[in-house]
N, C-alpha and C. Protein backbone atom coordinates (compact mmCIF):
# COMPACT_ATOMS: atom_id res chain seq x y z
N MET A 1 7.37 -7.58 12.75
CA MET A 1 7.47 -8.26 11.38
C MET A 1 6.04 -6.94 10.85
N TRP A 2 4.97 -8.12 10.51
CA TRP A 2 4.11 -8.01 9.49
C TRP A 2 3.12 -6.83 9.95
N LEU A 3 2.75 -6.17 11.51
CA LEU A 3 2.18 -5.56 12.23
C LEU A 3 3.30 -4.16 11.47
N TRP A 4 4.49 -4.13 11.23
CA TRP A 4 4.92 -2.62 10.80
C TRP A 4 4.55 -2.51 9.19
N ILE A 5 4.50 -4.10 8.52
CA ILE A 5 4.90 -3.99 7.14
C ILE A 5 2.87 -3.32 6.71
N ILE A 6 1.90 -3.59 7.62
CA ILE A 6 0.60 -3.26 7.71
C ILE A 6 0.56 -2.08 7.73
N LEU A 7 1.20 -1.67 8.84
CA LEU A 7 0.58 0.14 9.31
C LEU A 7 1.87 0.52 8.38
N LEU A 8 2.85 0.14 7.21
CA LEU A 8 3.19 1.12 6.47
C LEU A 8 1.82 0.99 5.32
N ILE A 9 1.64 0.07 5.27
CA ILE A 9 1.05 0.02 3.65
C ILE A 9 -0.80 0.99 3.96
N LEU A 10 -0.63 1.16 5.19
CA LEU A 10 -2.04 2.10 6.24
C LEU A 10 -1.59 3.65 5.70
N VAL A 11 -0.68 3.53 5.69
CA VAL A 11 0.46 4.77 5.80
C VAL A 11 -0.19 5.60 4.48
N VAL A 12 0.43 4.79 3.62
CA VAL A 12 1.32 5.25 2.19
C VAL A 12 -0.48 5.15 1.46
N ILE A 13 -1.91 4.18 2.04
CA ILE A 13 -3.39 3.89 1.41
C ILE A 13 -3.62 5.86 1.88
N VAL A 14 -3.39 6.47 3.02
CA VAL A 14 -3.95 6.90 3.95
C VAL A 14 -3.48 8.48 3.06
N PHE A 15 -1.96 8.48 3.07
CA PHE A 15 -1.37 9.60 2.40
C PHE A 15 -1.65 10.06 1.11
N GLY A 16 -2.12 8.86 0.47
CA GLY A 16 -3.15 9.18 -1.54
C GLY A 16 -4.40 9.47 -1.27
N LEU A 17 -4.86 9.57 0.25
CA LEU A 17 -6.77 9.49 0.52
C LEU A 17 -6.09 11.17 0.35
N GLY A 18 -4.87 11.62 1.21
CA GLY A 18 -4.83 12.90 1.43
C GLY A 18 -4.82 13.91 0.82
N PHE A 19 -4.53 13.86 0.08
CA PHE A 19 -4.55 14.97 -1.28
C PHE A 19 -6.37 15.97 -1.70
N ILE A 20 -6.95 13.97 -1.22
CA ILE A 20 -8.11 14.48 -1.60
C ILE A 20 -8.97 15.10 0.02
N ILE A 21 -8.37 14.48 1.11
CA ILE A 21 -9.11 15.46 2.08
C ILE A 21 -7.95 14.99 3.19
N LYS A 22 -7.70 16.77 3.55
CA LYS A 22 -6.43 17.18 3.94
C LYS A 22 -6.10 16.59 6.09
N TRP A 23 -7.33 16.26 6.31
CA TRP A 23 -6.81 15.92 7.56
C TRP A 23 -6.65 13.91 8.03
N LEU A 24 -6.51 13.42 6.61
CA LEU A 24 -6.08 12.30 6.36
C LEU A 24 -4.72 12.92 5.94
N PHE A 25 -4.29 13.45 5.40
CA PHE A 25 -1.81 13.87 5.19
C PHE A 25 -1.72 14.12 6.33
N TYR A 26 -2.26 15.34 7.49
CA TYR A 26 -1.93 15.07 8.74
C TYR A 26 -1.64 14.14 9.52
N ILE A 27 -2.99 12.98 8.57
CA ILE A 27 -2.71 12.03 10.39
C ILE A 27 -2.28 10.85 9.06
N ALA A 28 -1.64 10.12 8.28
CA ALA A 28 -0.79 9.59 7.78
C ALA A 28 0.54 10.24 7.36
N ALA A 29 0.88 11.76 7.94
CA ALA A 29 2.28 12.40 8.73
C ALA A 29 2.25 11.56 10.00
N ALA A 30 1.86 12.35 10.39
CA ALA A 30 1.60 11.70 12.48
C ALA A 30 2.01 9.81 12.37
N LEU A 31 1.49 9.00 11.63
CA LEU A 31 1.74 7.39 11.76
C LEU A 31 2.67 7.36 11.14
N PHE A 32 2.80 7.76 9.63
CA PHE A 32 4.49 7.97 9.58
C PHE A 32 5.95 7.84 10.31
N ILE A 33 5.49 8.86 11.14
CA ILE A 33 6.74 9.19 12.04
C ILE A 33 7.12 8.48 13.24
N LEU A 34 5.51 8.19 13.84
CA LEU A 34 5.42 7.17 14.02
C LEU A 34 5.90 6.13 13.85
N TRP A 35 5.72 5.79 13.31
CA TRP A 35 6.37 4.13 12.50
C TRP A 35 7.94 4.52 12.29
N LEU A 36 8.28 5.65 11.97
CA LEU A 36 9.90 5.48 11.64
C LEU A 36 10.39 5.85 13.20
N VAL A 37 9.98 6.16 14.00
CA VAL A 37 10.60 5.89 15.65
C VAL A 37 10.54 4.54 16.30
N VAL A 38 9.49 4.56 15.87
CA VAL A 38 9.47 2.29 16.67
C VAL A 38 10.47 2.04 15.89
N LEU A 39 10.38 2.44 14.83
CA LEU A 39 11.09 1.27 13.51
C LEU A 39 12.71 1.19 14.13
N LEU A 40 13.12 2.71 14.66
CA LEU A 40 14.76 2.93 15.15
C LEU A 40 14.83 2.69 15.69
N VAL A 41 13.30 2.53 17.22
CA VAL A 41 13.93 2.41 18.35
C VAL A 41 14.47 0.81 18.55
N ASN A 42 13.62 0.12 17.68
CA ASN A 42 13.58 -1.10 18.03
C ASN A 42 15.11 -2.16 17.21
N ARG A 43 15.61 -1.19 16.28
CA ARG A 43 16.80 -1.18 15.91
C ARG A 43 18.46 -0.51 16.82
N VAL A 44 18.11 0.15 17.53
CA VAL A 44 18.92 0.23 18.44
C VAL A 44 18.78 -0.69 19.28
N ARG A 45 17.45 -1.31 19.42
CA ARG A 45 17.58 -1.91 20.93
C ARG A 45 18.30 -3.43 20.62
N ALA A 46 18.32 -3.66 19.30
CA ALA A 46 18.22 -5.41 18.70
C ALA A 46 20.15 -5.23 18.73
């Protein structure tokens, strides 16, 4: 569970920097979507 929290914090930080660097915004969006998918898959499996 700690891994998902750390990943979410990383996404928030990269999202904030994304307003400065547009490519980081796209990376943050992709990581956030990946995080959501994995979280939902884990909820369904549990």
